[in-house]
C-alpha atoms as a PDB file:
ATOM      1  CA  MET A   1       0.000   0.000   0.000  1.00  0.00           C
ATOM      2  CA  LYS A   2       1.120   3.529  -0.687  1.00  0.00           C
ATOM      3  CA  GLY A   3      -0.228   6.687   0.855  1.00  0.00           C
ATOM      4  CA  SER A   4       0.813  10.169   1.773  1.00  0.00           C
ATOM      5  CA  CYS A   5       0.154  13.022   4.122  1.00  0.00           C
ATOM      6  CA  LEU A   6      -2.151  15.864   3.106  1.00  0.00           C
ATOM      7  CA  CYS A   7       0.617  18.030   1.614  1.00  0.00           C
ATOM      8  CA  GLY A   8       2.473  15.102  -0.010  1.00  0.00           C
ATOM      9  CA  SER A   9       5.749  15.735   1.843  1.00  0.00           C
ATOM     10  CA  ILE A  10       5.756  12.230   3.360  1.00  0.00           C
ATOM     11  CA  GLU A  11       4.948   9.048   1.478  1.00  0.00           C
ATOM     12  CA  VAL A  12       4.195   5.873   3.414  1.00  0.00           C
ATOM     13  CA  THR A  13       4.683   2.383   1.998  1.00  0.00           C
ATOM     14  CA  ALA A  14       3.341  -0.630   3.909  1.00  0.00           C
ATOM     15  CA  PRO A  15       2.363  -4.237   3.202  1.00  0.00           C
ATOM     16  CA  ASP A  16      -1.160  -4.687   1.798  1.00  0.00           C
ATOM     17  CA  HIS A  17      -3.885  -5.090   4.405  1.00  0.00           C
ATOM     18  CA  GLU A  18      -7.625  -5.418   4.018  1.00  0.00           C
ATOM     19  CA  GLN A  19      -8.740  -4.948   7.616  1.00  0.00           C
ATOM     20  CA  ILE A  20      -8.712  -1.989   9.973  1.00  0.00           C
ATOM     21  CA  ALA A  21      -9.426  -1.505  13.650  1.00  0.00           C
ATOM     22  CA  LEU A  22     -10.805   1.456  15.520  1.00  0.00           C
ATOM     23  CA  CYS A  23      -9.463   2.890  18.772  1.00  0.00           C
ATOM     24  CA  HIS A  24     -11.783   4.921  21.002  1.00  0.00           C
ATOM     25  CA  CYS A  25      -9.221   5.663  23.753  1.00  0.00           C
ATOM     26  CA  SER A  26      -9.124   9.182  25.132  1.00  0.00           C
ATOM     27  CA  MET A  27      -5.616   9.818  23.744  1.00  0.00           C
ATOM     28  CA  CYS A  28      -6.540   8.812  20.171  1.00  0.00           C
ATOM     29  CA  ARG A  29      -9.681  10.938  20.352  1.00  0.00           C
ATOM     30  CA  ARG A  30      -7.755  13.914  21.724  1.00  0.00           C
ATOM     31  CA  TRP A  31      -5.057  13.473  19.064  1.00  0.00           C
ATOM     32  CA  SER A  32      -7.361  13.140  16.077  1.00  0.00           C
ATOM     33  CA  GLY A  33     -10.668  14.660  17.162  1.00  0.00           C
ATOM     34  CA  GLY A  34     -12.361  11.266  16.881  1.00  0.00           C
ATOM     35  CA  PRO A  35     -11.539   7.581  16.963  1.00  0.00           C
ATOM     36  CA  MET A  36      -8.407   6.395  15.168  1.00  0.00           C
ATOM     37  CA  PHE A  37      -9.083   4.219  12.129  1.00  0.00           C
ATOM     38  CA  ALA A  38      -5.960   2.091  12.165  1.00  0.00           C
ATOM     39  CA  VAL A  39      -4.134  -0.395   9.942  1.00  0.00           C
ATOM     40  CA  HIS A  40      -1.835  -2.743  11.878  1.00  0.00           C
ATOM     41  CA  CYS A  41       1.193  -2.795   9.549  1.00  0.00           C
ATOM     42  CA  GLY A  42       3.884  -4.422  11.688  1.00  0.00           C
ATOM     43  CA  SER A  43       7.456  -3.209  11.406  1.00  0.00           C
ATOM     44  CA  ASN A  44       7.724  -3.230   7.613  1.00  0.00           C
ATOM     45  CA  VAL A  45       6.719   0.406   7.047  1.00  0.00           C
ATOM     46  CA  GLU A  46       8.799   2.868   5.040  1.00  0.00           C
ATOM     47  CA  PHE A  47       8.639   6.656   5.031  1.00  0.00           C
ATOM     48  CA  SER A  48      10.086   8.658   2.138  1.00  0.00           C
ATOM     49  CA  GLY A  49      10.383  12.354   1.487  1.00  0.00           C
ATOM     50  CA  ALA A  50      10.374  14.389   4.690  1.00  0.00           C
ATOM     51  CA  SER A  51      10.872  12.572   7.990  1.00  0.00           C
ATOM     52  CA  PRO A  52       7.835  12.243  10.258  1.00  0.00           C
ATOM     53  CA  VAL A  53       7.868  14.127  13.556  1.00  0.00           C
ATOM     54  CA  ALA A  54       7.367  11.788  16.524  1.00  0.00           C
ATOM     55  CA  TYR A  55       5.781  12.589  19.871  1.00  0.00           C
ATOM     56  CA  ARG A  56       6.348  10.130  22.731  1.00  0.00           C
ATOM     57  CA  SER A  57       2.802   9.795  24.085  1.00  0.00           C
ATOM     58  CA  SER A  58       3.474   7.023  26.627  1.00  0.00           C
ATOM     59  CA  GLU A  59       6.229   4.798  27.993  1.00  0.00           C
ATOM     60  CA  TRP A  60       5.652   2.278  25.222  1.00  0.00           C
ATOM     61  CA  ALA A  61       4.543   4.309  22.199  1.00  0.00           C
ATOM     62  CA  GLU A  62       4.983   7.385  20.055  1.00  0.00           C
ATOM     63  CA  ARG A  63       2.683   9.087  17.584  1.00  0.00           C
ATOM     64  CA  GLY A  64       3.957  10.379  14.266  1.00  0.00           C
ATOM     65  CA  PHE A  65       2.767  13.216  12.078  1.00  0.00           C
ATOM     66  CA  CYS A  66       3.875  15.418   9.210  1.00  0.00           C
ATOM     67  CA  GLY A  67       5.751  18.454  10.470  1.00  0.00           C
ATOM     68  CA  LYS A  68       4.499  20.555   7.541  1.00  0.00           C
ATOM     69  CA  CYS A  69       0.750  19.810   7.281  1.00  0.00           C
ATOM     70  CA  GLY A  70       0.136  17.986  10.579  1.00  0.00           C
ATOM     71  CA  THR A  71      -1.384  14.827   9.080  1.00  0.00           C
ATOM     72  CA  HIS A  72      -1.532  12.033  11.658  1.00  0.00           C
ATOM     73  CA  LEU A  73       0.519   9.170  10.251  1.00  0.00           C
ATOM     74  CA  PHE A  74       1.033   6.474  12.858  1.00  0.00           C
ATOM     75  CA  TYR A  75       0.972   5.098  16.361  1.00  0.00           C
ATOM     76  CA  HIS A  76       4.274   3.271  16.917  1.00  0.00           C
ATOM     77  CA  LEU A  77       4.491   0.572  19.596  1.00  0.00           C
ATOM     78  CA  LEU A  78       8.136   0.773  20.607  1.00  0.00           C
ATOM     79  CA  PRO A  79       8.735  -2.620  22.303  1.00  0.00           C
ATOM     80  CA  GLY A  80       7.729  -4.618  19.198  1.00  0.00           C
ATOM     81  CA  ASN A  81       8.507  -1.918  16.601  1.00  0.00           C
ATOM     82  CA  GLU A  82       4.924  -2.195  15.333  1.00  0.00           C
ATOM     83  CA  TYR A  83       3.445   0.621  13.273  1.00  0.00           C
ATOM     84  CA  ILE A  84      -0.285   1.197  13.426  1.00  0.00           C
ATOM     85  CA  VAL A  85      -0.909   3.529  10.519  1.00  0.00           C
ATOM     86  CA  SER A  86      -3.845   5.867  10.002  1.00  0.00           C
ATOM     87  CA  SER A  87      -6.055   4.290   7.341  1.00  0.00           C
ATOM     88  CA  GLY A  88      -6.975   7.703   5.908  1.00  0.00           C
ATOM     89  CA  ILE A  89      -3.576   8.160   4.286  1.00  0.00           C
ATOM     90  CA  PHE A  90      -4.249   5.163   2.010  1.00  0.00           C
ATOM     91  CA  GLN A  91      -6.882   6.918  -0.122  1.00  0.00           C
ATOM     92  CA  ASP A  92      -6.952   4.336  -2.929  1.00  0.00           C
ATOM     93  CA  HIS A  93      -7.335   1.259  -0.729  1.00  0.00           C
ATOM     94  CA  GLU A  94     -10.491  -0.595   0.352  1.00  0.00           C
ATOM     95  CA  PHE A  95     -10.752  -1.738   3.980  1.00  0.00           C
ATOM     96  CA  SER A  96     -13.159  -3.636   6.218  1.00  0.00           C
ATOM     97  CA  LEU A  97     -13.637  -2.514   9.808  1.00  0.00           C
ATOM     98  CA  ILE A  98     -13.276  -5.611  12.002  1.00  0.00           C
ATOM     99  CA  SER A  99     -12.664  -4.490  15.577  1.00  0.00           C
ATOM    100  CA  GLU A 100     -12.943  -1.665  18.086  1.00  0.00           C
ATOM    101  CA  ILE A 101     -10.811  -1.235  21.190  1.00  0.00           C
ATOM    102  CA  PHE A 102     -11.256   0.879  24.307  1.00  0.00           C
ATOM    103  CA  ILE A 103     -14.992   0.630  23.695  1.00  0.00           C
ATOM    104  CA  ASP A 104     -15.489   1.596  27.359  1.00  0.00           C
ATOM    105  CA  GLU A 105     -13.961   5.025  26.625  1.00  0.00           C
ATOM    106  CA  LYS A 106     -16.161   5.721  23.580  1.00  0.00           C
ATOM    107  CA  PRO A 107     -18.320   8.792  24.209  1.00  0.00           C
ATOM    108  CA  GLY A 108     -22.062   8.444  23.817  1.00  0.00           C
ATOM    109  CA  TYR A 109     -22.404  11.027  21.036  1.00  0.00           C
ATOM    110  CA  TYR A 110     -21.566   8.609  18.215  1.00  0.00           C
ATOM    111  CA  GLU A 111     -22.440   5.013  17.412  1.00  0.00           C
ATOM    112  CA  LEU A 112     -21.240   2.861  14.517  1.00  0.00           C
ATOM    113  CA  LYS A 113     -23.537   0.360  12.841  1.00  0.00           C
ATOM    114  CA  ASN A 114     -20.723  -2.032  11.831  1.00  0.00           C
ATOM    115  CA  GLN A 115     -20.715  -5.453  13.463  1.00  0.00           C
ATOM    116  CA  THR A 116     -17.235  -5.623  15.029  1.00  0.00           C
ATOM    117  CA  ASP A 117     -15.335  -7.397  17.771  1.00  0.00           C
ATOM    118  CA  LYS A 118     -15.178  -5.045  20.748  1.00  0.00           C
ATOM    119  CA  MET A 119     -12.698  -4.902  23.634  1.00  0.00           C
ATOM    120  CA  THR A 120     -12.488  -2.684  26.714  1.00  0.00           C
ATOM    121  CA  GLY A 121      -9.242  -1.004  27.708  1.00  0.00           C
ATOM    122  CA  GLN A 122      -8.669  -3.595  30.425  1.00  0.00           C
ATOM    123  CA  GLN A 123      -9.112  -6.438  27.915  1.00  0.00           C
ATOM    124  CA  VAL A 124      -6.605  -4.782  25.562  1.00  0.00           C
ATOM    125  CA  PHE A 125      -3.979  -4.443  28.310  1.00  0.00           C
ATOM    126  CA  GLU A 126      -4.577  -8.030  29.482  1.00  0.00           C
ATOM    127  CA  GLN A 127      -4.172  -9.388  25.950  1.00  0.00           C
ATOM    128  CA  PHE A 128      -1.011  -7.471  25.119  1.00  0.00           C
ATOM    129  CA  ALA A 129       0.730  -7.297  28.497  1.00  0.00           C
ATOM    130  CA  PRO A 130       4.106  -9.056  28.679  1.00  0.00           C
ATOM    131  CA  LYS A 131       3.709 -12.558  30.092  1.00  0.00           C
END
């Protein structure tokens, strides 16, 4: 898949994916103004053109954006070097929404009609915590 930020300064190349997930956590909503529509791309993500600006948003992750236009590019899980890329930058790609996380933090002013797997924040941390 290939995509770019709004101004075209940064191009993102990632392996093809057909499924996306949605994160309703308070940080994603504060960062983007709504839930994050996310493609789990693993570590095989390449950025060309300008370098993304990264903001360390927690002990385990950073969020990346274009320093020129501000487009939100990724959520990067540092321990596993996994990039979770904003699906909106891949304008020419079709996706299916399969899951929603931090459903317990979703505000009541929106509701999606998609049938998805849903997990609370506690379930997410339990699933991905180091064993």
